[in-house]
Amino acid sequence: VDLSASTILGLDRLTATGEISGTPAYMAPEVFTGK
């Protein structure tokens, strides 16, 4: 359930305010580092 953090491939993973969608404890490092 809950695809509110889903991303369509090729689209920006950040919201308009710079917020990253998802839950920190379960995020892959590249999601928040932008590496």
ModelCIF file with pLDDT and N, C-alpha, C, O atoms, coordinates in Angstrom:
data_MODEL
#
_entry.id   MODEL 
#
_entity.id                         1 
_entity.type                       polymer 
_entity.pdbx_number_of_molecules   1 
#
_entity_poly.entity_id                      1 
_entity_poly.type                           'polypeptide(L)' 
_entity_poly.nstd_linkage                   no 
_entity_poly.nstd_monomer                   no 
_entity_poly.pdbx_seq_one_letter_code       VDLSASTILGLDRLTATGEISGTPAYMAPEVFTGK 
_entity_poly.pdbx_seq_one_letter_code_can   VDLSASTILGLDRLTATGEISGTPAYMAPEVFTGK 
_entity_poly.pdbx_strand_id                 A 
#
loop_
_entity_poly_seq.entity_id 
_entity_poly_seq.num 
_entity_poly_seq.mon_id 
_entity_poly_seq.hetero 
1 1  VAL n 
1 2  ASP n 
1 3  LEU n 
1 4  SER n 
1 5  ALA n 
1 6  SER n 
1 7  THR n 
1 8  ILE n 
1 9  LEU n 
1 10 GLY n 
1 11 LEU n 
1 12 ASP n 
1 13 ARG n 
1 14 LEU n 
1 15 THR n 
1 16 ALA n 
1 17 THR n 
1 18 GLY n 
1 19 GLU n 
1 20 ILE n 
1 21 SER n 
1 22 GLY n 
1 23 THR n 
1 24 PRO n 
1 25 ALA n 
1 26 TYR n 
1 27 MET n 
1 28 ALA n 
1 29 PRO n 
1 30 GLU n 
1 31 VAL n 
1 32 PHE n 
1 33 THR n 
1 34 GLY n 
1 35 LYS n 
#
_struct_asym.id          A 
_struct_asym.entity_id   1 
#
loop_
_ma_qa_metric.id 
_ma_qa_metric.mode 
_ma_qa_metric.name 
_ma_qa_metric.software_group_id 
_ma_qa_metric.type 
1 global pLDDT . pLDDT 
2 local  pLDDT . pLDDT 
#
_ma_qa_metric_global.metric_id      1 
_ma_qa_metric_global.metric_value   63.60 
_ma_qa_metric_global.model_id       1 
_ma_qa_metric_global.ordinal_id     1 
#
loop_
_ma_qa_metric_local.label_asym_id 
_ma_qa_metric_local.label_comp_id 
_ma_qa_metric_local.label_seq_id 
_ma_qa_metric_local.metric_id 
_ma_qa_metric_local.metric_value 
_ma_qa_metric_local.model_id 
_ma_qa_metric_local.ordinal_id 
A VAL 1  2 82.00 1 1  
A ASP 2  2 70.00 1 2  
A LEU 3  2 65.00 1 3  
A SER 4  2 53.00 1 4  
A ALA 5  2 51.00 1 5  
A SER 6  2 57.00 1 6  
A THR 7  2 59.00 1 7  
A ILE 8  2 48.00 1 8  
A LEU 9  2 44.00 1 9  
A GLY 10 2 41.00 1 10 
A LEU 11 2 37.00 1 11 
A ASP 12 2 40.00 1 12 
A ARG 13 2 39.00 1 13 
A LEU 14 2 33.00 1 14 
A THR 15 2 33.00 1 15 
A ALA 16 2 32.00 1 16 
A THR 17 2 35.00 1 17 
A GLY 18 2 37.00 1 18 
A GLU 19 2 44.00 1 19 
A ILE 20 2 49.00 1 20 
A SER 21 2 55.00 1 21 
A GLY 22 2 67.00 1 22 
A THR 23 2 83.00 1 23 
A PRO 24 2 89.00 1 24 
A ALA 25 2 92.00 1 25 
A TYR 26 2 93.00 1 26 
A MET 27 2 92.00 1 27 
A ALA 28 2 94.00 1 28 
A PRO 29 2 95.00 1 29 
A GLU 30 2 93.00 1 30 
A VAL 31 2 90.00 1 31 
A PHE 32 2 88.00 1 32 
A THR 33 2 88.00 1 33 
A GLY 34 2 81.00 1 34 
A LYS 35 2 77.00 1 35 
#
loop_
_atom_site.group_PDB 
_atom_site.id 
_atom_site.type_symbol 
_atom_site.label_atom_id 
_atom_site.label_alt_id 
_atom_site.label_comp_id 
_atom_site.label_asym_id 
_atom_site.label_entity_id 
_atom_site.label_seq_id 
_atom_site.pdbx_PDB_ins_code 
_atom_site.Cartn_x 
_atom_site.Cartn_y 
_atom_site.Cartn_z 
_atom_site.occupancy 
_atom_site.B_iso_or_equiv 
_atom_site.pdbx_formal_charge 
_atom_site.auth_seq_id 
_atom_site.auth_comp_id 
_atom_site.auth_asym_id 
_atom_site.auth_atom_id 
_atom_site.pdbx_PDB_model_num 
ATOM 1   N N  . VAL A 1 1  ? 0.854  -1.184 0.000   1.00 82.00 ? 1  VAL A N  1 
ATOM 2   C CA . VAL A 1 1  ? 0.000  0.000  0.000   1.00 82.00 ? 1  VAL A CA 1 
ATOM 3   C C  . VAL A 1 1  ? 0.892  1.236  0.000   1.00 82.00 ? 1  VAL A C  1 
ATOM 4   O O  . VAL A 1 1  ? 2.104  1.141  0.190   1.00 82.00 ? 1  VAL A O  1 
ATOM 5   N N  . ASP A 1 2  ? 0.277  2.395  -0.216  1.00 70.00 ? 2  ASP A N  1 
ATOM 6   C CA . ASP A 1 2  ? 0.930  3.697  -0.111  1.00 70.00 ? 2  ASP A CA 1 
ATOM 7   C C  . ASP A 1 2  ? 2.055  3.888  -1.126  1.00 70.00 ? 2  ASP A C  1 
ATOM 8   O O  . ASP A 1 2  ? 3.211  3.547  -0.876  1.00 70.00 ? 2  ASP A O  1 
ATOM 9   N N  . LEU A 1 3  ? 1.683  4.439  -2.265  1.00 65.00 ? 3  LEU A N  1 
ATOM 10  C CA . LEU A 1 3  ? 2.666  4.813  -3.274  1.00 65.00 ? 3  LEU A CA 1 
ATOM 11  C C  . LEU A 1 3  ? 2.855  6.321  -3.318  1.00 65.00 ? 3  LEU A C  1 
ATOM 12  O O  . LEU A 1 3  ? 3.200  6.871  -4.363  1.00 65.00 ? 3  LEU A O  1 
ATOM 13  N N  . SER A 1 4  ? 2.630  7.003  -2.183  1.00 53.00 ? 4  SER A N  1 
ATOM 14  C CA . SER A 1 4  ? 2.731  8.467  -2.176  1.00 53.00 ? 4  SER A CA 1 
ATOM 15  C C  . SER A 1 4  ? 4.153  8.952  -2.393  1.00 53.00 ? 4  SER A C  1 
ATOM 16  O O  . SER A 1 4  ? 4.363  10.101 -2.781  1.00 53.00 ? 4  SER A O  1 
ATOM 17  N N  . ALA A 1 5  ? 5.140  8.085  -2.146  1.00 51.00 ? 5  ALA A N  1 
ATOM 18  C CA . ALA A 1 5  ? 6.533  8.464  -2.397  1.00 51.00 ? 5  ALA A CA 1 
ATOM 19  C C  . ALA A 1 5  ? 7.026  7.919  -3.730  1.00 51.00 ? 5  ALA A C  1 
ATOM 20  O O  . ALA A 1 5  ? 8.215  8.000  -4.039  1.00 51.00 ? 5  ALA A O  1 
ATOM 21  N N  . SER A 1 6  ? 6.102  7.361  -4.524  1.00 57.00 ? 6  SER A N  1 
ATOM 22  C CA . SER A 1 6  ? 6.511  6.737  -5.781  1.00 57.00 ? 6  SER A CA 1 
ATOM 23  C C  . SER A 1 6  ? 7.093  7.774  -6.741  1.00 57.00 ? 6  SER A C  1 
ATOM 24  O O  . SER A 1 6  ? 6.760  8.958  -6.692  1.00 57.00 ? 6  SER A O  1 
ATOM 25  N N  . THR A 1 7  ? 7.962  7.292  -7.600  1.00 59.00 ? 7  THR A N  1 
ATOM 26  C CA . THR A 1 7  ? 8.636  8.139  -8.574  1.00 59.00 ? 7  THR A CA 1 
ATOM 27  C C  . THR A 1 7  ? 8.492  7.512  -9.947  1.00 59.00 ? 7  THR A C  1 
ATOM 28  O O  . THR A 1 7  ? 8.701  6.311  -10.113 1.00 59.00 ? 7  THR A O  1 
ATOM 29  N N  . ILE A 1 8  ? 8.140  8.315  -10.918 1.00 48.00 ? 8  ILE A N  1 
ATOM 30  C CA . ILE A 1 8  ? 8.142  7.847  -12.292 1.00 48.00 ? 8  ILE A CA 1 
ATOM 31  C C  . ILE A 1 8  ? 9.557  8.013  -12.824 1.00 48.00 ? 8  ILE A C  1 
ATOM 32  O O  . ILE A 1 8  ? 10.124 9.104  -12.750 1.00 48.00 ? 8  ILE A O  1 
ATOM 33  N N  . LEU A 1 9  ? 10.126 6.952  -13.355 1.00 44.00 ? 9  LEU A N  1 
ATOM 34  C CA . LEU A 1 9  ? 11.505 7.023  -13.828 1.00 44.00 ? 9  LEU A CA 1 
ATOM 35  C C  . LEU A 1 9  ? 11.681 8.180  -14.802 1.00 44.00 ? 9  LEU A C  1 
ATOM 36  O O  . LEU A 1 9  ? 10.886 8.363  -15.723 1.00 44.00 ? 9  LEU A O  1 
ATOM 37  N N  . GLY A 1 10 ? 12.732 8.951  -14.581 1.00 41.00 ? 10 GLY A N  1 
ATOM 38  C CA . GLY A 1 10 ? 13.014 10.089 -15.434 1.00 41.00 ? 10 GLY A CA 1 
ATOM 39  C C  . GLY A 1 10 ? 12.527 11.402 -14.856 1.00 41.00 ? 10 GLY A C  1 
ATOM 40  O O  . GLY A 1 10 ? 12.892 12.466 -15.356 1.00 41.00 ? 10 GLY A O  1 
ATOM 41  N N  . LEU A 1 11 ? 11.696 11.351 -13.796 1.00 37.00 ? 11 LEU A N  1 
ATOM 42  C CA . LEU A 1 11 ? 11.214 12.586 -13.177 1.00 37.00 ? 11 LEU A CA 1 
ATOM 43  C C  . LEU A 1 11 ? 12.045 12.905 -11.951 1.00 37.00 ? 11 LEU A C  1 
ATOM 44  O O  . LEU A 1 11 ? 12.679 12.024 -11.371 1.00 37.00 ? 11 LEU A O  1 
ATOM 45  N N  . ASP A 1 12 ? 12.037 14.178 -11.558 1.00 40.00 ? 12 ASP A N  1 
ATOM 46  C CA . ASP A 1 12 ? 12.796 14.627 -10.390 1.00 40.00 ? 12 ASP A CA 1 
ATOM 47  C C  . ASP A 1 12 ? 12.253 13.955 -9.137  1.00 40.00 ? 12 ASP A C  1 
ATOM 48  O O  . ASP A 1 12 ? 11.041 13.880 -8.939  1.00 40.00 ? 12 ASP A O  1 
ATOM 49  N N  . ARG A 1 13 ? 13.169 13.460 -8.282  1.00 39.00 ? 13 ARG A N  1 
ATOM 50  C CA . ARG A 1 13 ? 12.732 12.793 -7.057  1.00 39.00 ? 13 ARG A CA 1 
ATOM 51  C C  . ARG A 1 13 ? 12.383 13.782 -5.949  1.00 39.00 ? 13 ARG A C  1 
ATOM 52  O O  . ARG A 1 13 ? 11.861 13.385 -4.907  1.00 39.00 ? 13 ARG A O  1 
ATOM 53  N N  . LEU A 1 14 ? 12.669 15.073 -6.166  1.00 33.00 ? 14 LEU A N  1 
ATOM 54  C CA . LEU A 1 14 ? 12.386 16.075 -5.151  1.00 33.00 ? 14 LEU A CA 1 
ATOM 55  C C  . LEU A 1 14 ? 11.062 16.753 -5.414  1.00 33.00 ? 14 LEU A C  1 
ATOM 56  O O  . LEU A 1 14 ? 10.654 16.898 -6.567  1.00 33.00 ? 14 LEU A O  1 
ATOM 57  N N  . THR A 1 15 ? 10.379 17.176 -4.350  1.00 33.00 ? 15 THR A N  1 
ATOM 58  C CA . THR A 1 15 ? 9.186  17.972 -4.495  1.00 33.00 ? 15 THR A CA 1 
ATOM 59  C C  . THR A 1 15 ? 9.590  19.398 -4.826  1.00 33.00 ? 15 THR A C  1 
ATOM 60  O O  . THR A 1 15 ? 10.775 19.730 -4.851  1.00 33.00 ? 15 THR A O  1 
ATOM 61  N N  . ALA A 1 16 ? 8.589  20.242 -5.082  1.00 32.00 ? 16 ALA A N  1 
ATOM 62  C CA . ALA A 1 16 ? 8.872  21.634 -5.441  1.00 32.00 ? 16 ALA A CA 1 
ATOM 63  C C  . ALA A 1 16 ? 9.551  22.389 -4.310  1.00 32.00 ? 16 ALA A C  1 
ATOM 64  O O  . ALA A 1 16 ? 10.226 23.390 -4.553  1.00 32.00 ? 16 ALA A O  1 
ATOM 65  N N  . THR A 1 17 ? 9.383  21.921 -3.073  1.00 35.00 ? 17 THR A N  1 
ATOM 66  C CA . THR A 1 17 ? 9.981  22.600 -1.934  1.00 35.00 ? 17 THR A CA 1 
ATOM 67  C C  . THR A 1 17 ? 11.336 22.014 -1.566  1.00 35.00 ? 17 THR A C  1 
ATOM 68  O O  . THR A 1 17 ? 11.950 22.441 -0.589  1.00 35.00 ? 17 THR A O  1 
ATOM 69  N N  . GLY A 1 18 ? 11.808 21.040 -2.338  1.00 37.00 ? 18 GLY A N  1 
ATOM 70  C CA . GLY A 1 18 ? 13.086 20.417 -2.033  1.00 37.00 ? 18 GLY A CA 1 
ATOM 71  C C  . GLY A 1 18 ? 12.972 19.252 -1.086  1.00 37.00 ? 18 GLY A C  1 
ATOM 72  O O  . GLY A 1 18 ? 13.988 18.676 -0.697  1.00 37.00 ? 18 GLY A O  1 
ATOM 73  N N  . GLU A 1 19 ? 11.756 18.883 -0.700  1.00 44.00 ? 19 GLU A N  1 
ATOM 74  C CA . GLU A 1 19 ? 11.550 17.763 0.202   1.00 44.00 ? 19 GLU A CA 1 
ATOM 75  C C  . GLU A 1 19 ? 11.742 16.452 -0.547  1.00 44.00 ? 19 GLU A C  1 
ATOM 76  O O  . GLU A 1 19 ? 11.296 16.313 -1.686  1.00 44.00 ? 19 GLU A O  1 
ATOM 77  N N  . ILE A 1 20 ? 12.401 15.493 0.086   1.00 49.00 ? 20 ILE A N  1 
ATOM 78  C CA . ILE A 1 20 ? 12.559 14.177 -0.504  1.00 49.00 ? 20 ILE A CA 1 
ATOM 79  C C  . ILE A 1 20 ? 11.433 13.291 0.010   1.00 49.00 ? 20 ILE A C  1 
ATOM 80  O O  . ILE A 1 20 ? 11.203 13.209 1.217   1.00 49.00 ? 20 ILE A O  1 
ATOM 81  N N  . SER A 1 21 ? 10.727 12.625 -0.910  1.00 55.00 ? 21 SER A N  1 
ATOM 82  C CA . SER A 1 21 ? 9.644  11.744 -0.523  1.00 55.00 ? 21 SER A CA 1 
ATOM 83  C C  . SER A 1 21 ? 10.204 10.434 0.014   1.00 55.00 ? 21 SER A C  1 
ATOM 84  O O  . SER A 1 21 ? 11.162 9.887  -0.533  1.00 55.00 ? 21 SER A O  1 
ATOM 85  N N  . GLY A 1 22 ? 9.600  9.934  1.089   1.00 67.00 ? 22 GLY A N  1 
ATOM 86  C CA . GLY A 1 22 ? 10.018 8.664  1.647   1.00 67.00 ? 22 GLY A CA 1 
ATOM 87  C C  . GLY A 1 22 ? 10.266 8.768  3.139   1.00 67.00 ? 22 GLY A C  1 
ATOM 88  O O  . GLY A 1 22 ? 10.088 9.828  3.741   1.00 67.00 ? 22 GLY A O  1 
ATOM 89  N N  . THR A 1 23 ? 10.680 7.651  3.732   1.00 83.00 ? 23 THR A N  1 
ATOM 90  C CA . THR A 1 23 ? 10.937 7.573  5.165   1.00 83.00 ? 23 THR A CA 1 
ATOM 91  C C  . THR A 1 23 ? 12.432 7.388  5.377   1.00 83.00 ? 23 THR A C  1 
ATOM 92  O O  . THR A 1 23 ? 12.994 6.414  4.877   1.00 83.00 ? 23 THR A O  1 
ATOM 93  N N  . PRO A 1 24 ? 13.105 8.296  6.105   1.00 89.00 ? 24 PRO A N  1 
ATOM 94  C CA . PRO A 1 24 ? 14.574 8.272  6.192   1.00 89.00 ? 24 PRO A CA 1 
ATOM 95  C C  . PRO A 1 24 ? 15.179 6.918  6.523   1.00 89.00 ? 24 PRO A C  1 
ATOM 96  O O  . PRO A 1 24 ? 16.155 6.520  5.887   1.00 89.00 ? 24 PRO A O  1 
ATOM 97  N N  . ALA A 1 25 ? 14.633 6.192  7.500   1.00 92.00 ? 25 ALA A N  1 
ATOM 98  C CA . ALA A 1 25 ? 15.252 4.945  7.946   1.00 92.00 ? 25 ALA A CA 1 
ATOM 99  C C  . ALA A 1 25 ? 15.285 3.869  6.866   1.00 92.00 ? 25 ALA A C  1 
ATOM 100 O O  . ALA A 1 25 ? 16.024 2.892  6.989   1.00 92.00 ? 25 ALA A O  1 
ATOM 101 N N  . TYR A 1 26 ? 14.492 4.037  5.813   1.00 93.00 ? 26 TYR A N  1 
ATOM 102 C CA . TYR A 1 26 ? 14.390 3.009  4.773   1.00 93.00 ? 26 TYR A CA 1 
ATOM 103 C C  . TYR A 1 26 ? 14.898 3.509  3.417   1.00 93.00 ? 26 TYR A C  1 
ATOM 104 O O  . TYR A 1 26 ? 14.722 2.837  2.401   1.00 93.00 ? 26 TYR A O  1 
ATOM 105 N N  . MET A 1 27 ? 15.523 4.678  3.400   1.00 92.00 ? 27 MET A N  1 
ATOM 106 C CA . MET A 1 27 ? 15.987 5.272  2.147   1.00 92.00 ? 27 MET A CA 1 
ATOM 107 C C  . MET A 1 27 ? 17.360 4.759  1.741   1.00 92.00 ? 27 MET A C  1 
ATOM 108 O O  . MET A 1 27 ? 18.263 4.626  2.568   1.00 92.00 ? 27 MET A O  1 
ATOM 109 N N  . ALA A 1 28 ? 17.497 4.476  0.454   1.00 94.00 ? 28 ALA A N  1 
ATOM 110 C CA . ALA A 1 28 ? 18.825 4.190  -0.085  1.00 94.00 ? 28 ALA A CA 1 
ATOM 111 C C  . ALA A 1 28 ? 19.655 5.467  -0.029  1.00 94.00 ? 28 ALA A C  1 
ATOM 112 O O  . ALA A 1 28 ? 19.112 6.558  -0.201  1.00 94.00 ? 28 ALA A O  1 
ATOM 113 N N  . PRO A 1 29 ? 20.970 5.353  0.210   1.00 95.00 ? 29 PRO A N  1 
ATOM 114 C CA . PRO A 1 29 ? 21.797 6.555  0.345   1.00 95.00 ? 29 PRO A CA 1 
ATOM 115 C C  . PRO A 1 29 ? 21.696 7.525  -0.827  1.00 95.00 ? 29 PRO A C  1 
ATOM 116 O O  . PRO A 1 29 ? 21.701 8.739  -0.623  1.00 95.00 ? 29 PRO A O  1 
ATOM 117 N N  . GLU A 1 30 ? 21.603 7.006  -2.054  1.00 93.00 ? 30 GLU A N  1 
ATOM 118 C CA . GLU A 1 30 ? 21.580 7.906  -3.213  1.00 93.00 ? 30 GLU A CA 1 
ATOM 119 C C  . GLU A 1 30 ? 20.323 8.763  -3.281  1.00 93.00 ? 30 GLU A C  1 
ATOM 120 O O  . GLU A 1 30 ? 20.299 9.778  -3.977  1.00 93.00 ? 30 GLU A O  1 
ATOM 121 N N  . VAL A 1 31 ? 19.273 8.358  -2.557  1.00 90.00 ? 31 VAL A N  1 
ATOM 122 C CA . VAL A 1 31 ? 18.041 9.150  -2.563  1.00 90.00 ? 31 VAL A CA 1 
ATOM 123 C C  . VAL A 1 31 ? 18.275 10.500 -1.901  1.00 90.00 ? 31 VAL A C  1 
ATOM 124 O O  . VAL A 1 31 ? 17.780 11.518 -2.384  1.00 90.00 ? 31 VAL A O  1 
ATOM 125 N N  . PHE A 1 32 ? 19.027 10.520 -0.797  1.00 88.00 ? 32 PHE A N  1 
ATOM 126 C CA . PHE A 1 32 ? 19.201 11.784 -0.070  1.00 88.00 ? 32 PHE A CA 1 
ATOM 127 C C  . PHE A 1 32 ? 20.556 12.447 -0.311  1.00 88.00 ? 32 PHE A C  1 
ATOM 128 O O  . PHE A 1 32 ? 20.727 13.627 -0.003  1.00 88.00 ? 32 PHE A O  1 
ATOM 129 N N  . THR A 1 33 ? 21.524 11.702 -0.858  1.00 88.00 ? 33 THR A N  1 
ATOM 130 C CA . THR A 1 33 ? 22.820 12.324 -1.120  1.00 88.00 ? 33 THR A CA 1 
ATOM 131 C C  . THR A 1 33 ? 22.883 12.954 -2.507  1.00 88.00 ? 33 THR A C  1 
ATOM 132 O O  . THR A 1 33 ? 23.656 13.885 -2.734  1.00 88.00 ? 33 THR A O  1 
ATOM 133 N N  . GLY A 1 34 ? 22.071 12.451 -3.433  1.00 81.00 ? 34 GLY A N  1 
ATOM 134 C CA . GLY A 1 34 ? 22.108 12.962 -4.793  1.00 81.00 ? 34 GLY A CA 1 
ATOM 135 C C  . GLY A 1 34 ? 23.376 12.589 -5.544  1.00 81.00 ? 34 GLY A C  1 
ATOM 136 O O  . GLY A 1 34 ? 23.701 13.207 -6.558  1.00 81.00 ? 34 GLY A O  1 
ATOM 137 N N  . LYS A 1 35 ? 24.106 11.567 -5.049  1.00 77.00 ? 35 LYS A N  1 
ATOM 138 C CA . LYS A 1 35 ? 25.381 11.201 -5.668  1.00 77.00 ? 35 LYS A CA 1 
ATOM 139 C C  . LYS A 1 35 ? 25.203 10.491 -7.004  1.00 77.00 ? 35 LYS A C  1 
ATOM 140 O O  . LYS A 1 35 ? 26.188 10.122 -7.643  1.00 77.00 ? 35 LYS A O  1 
#
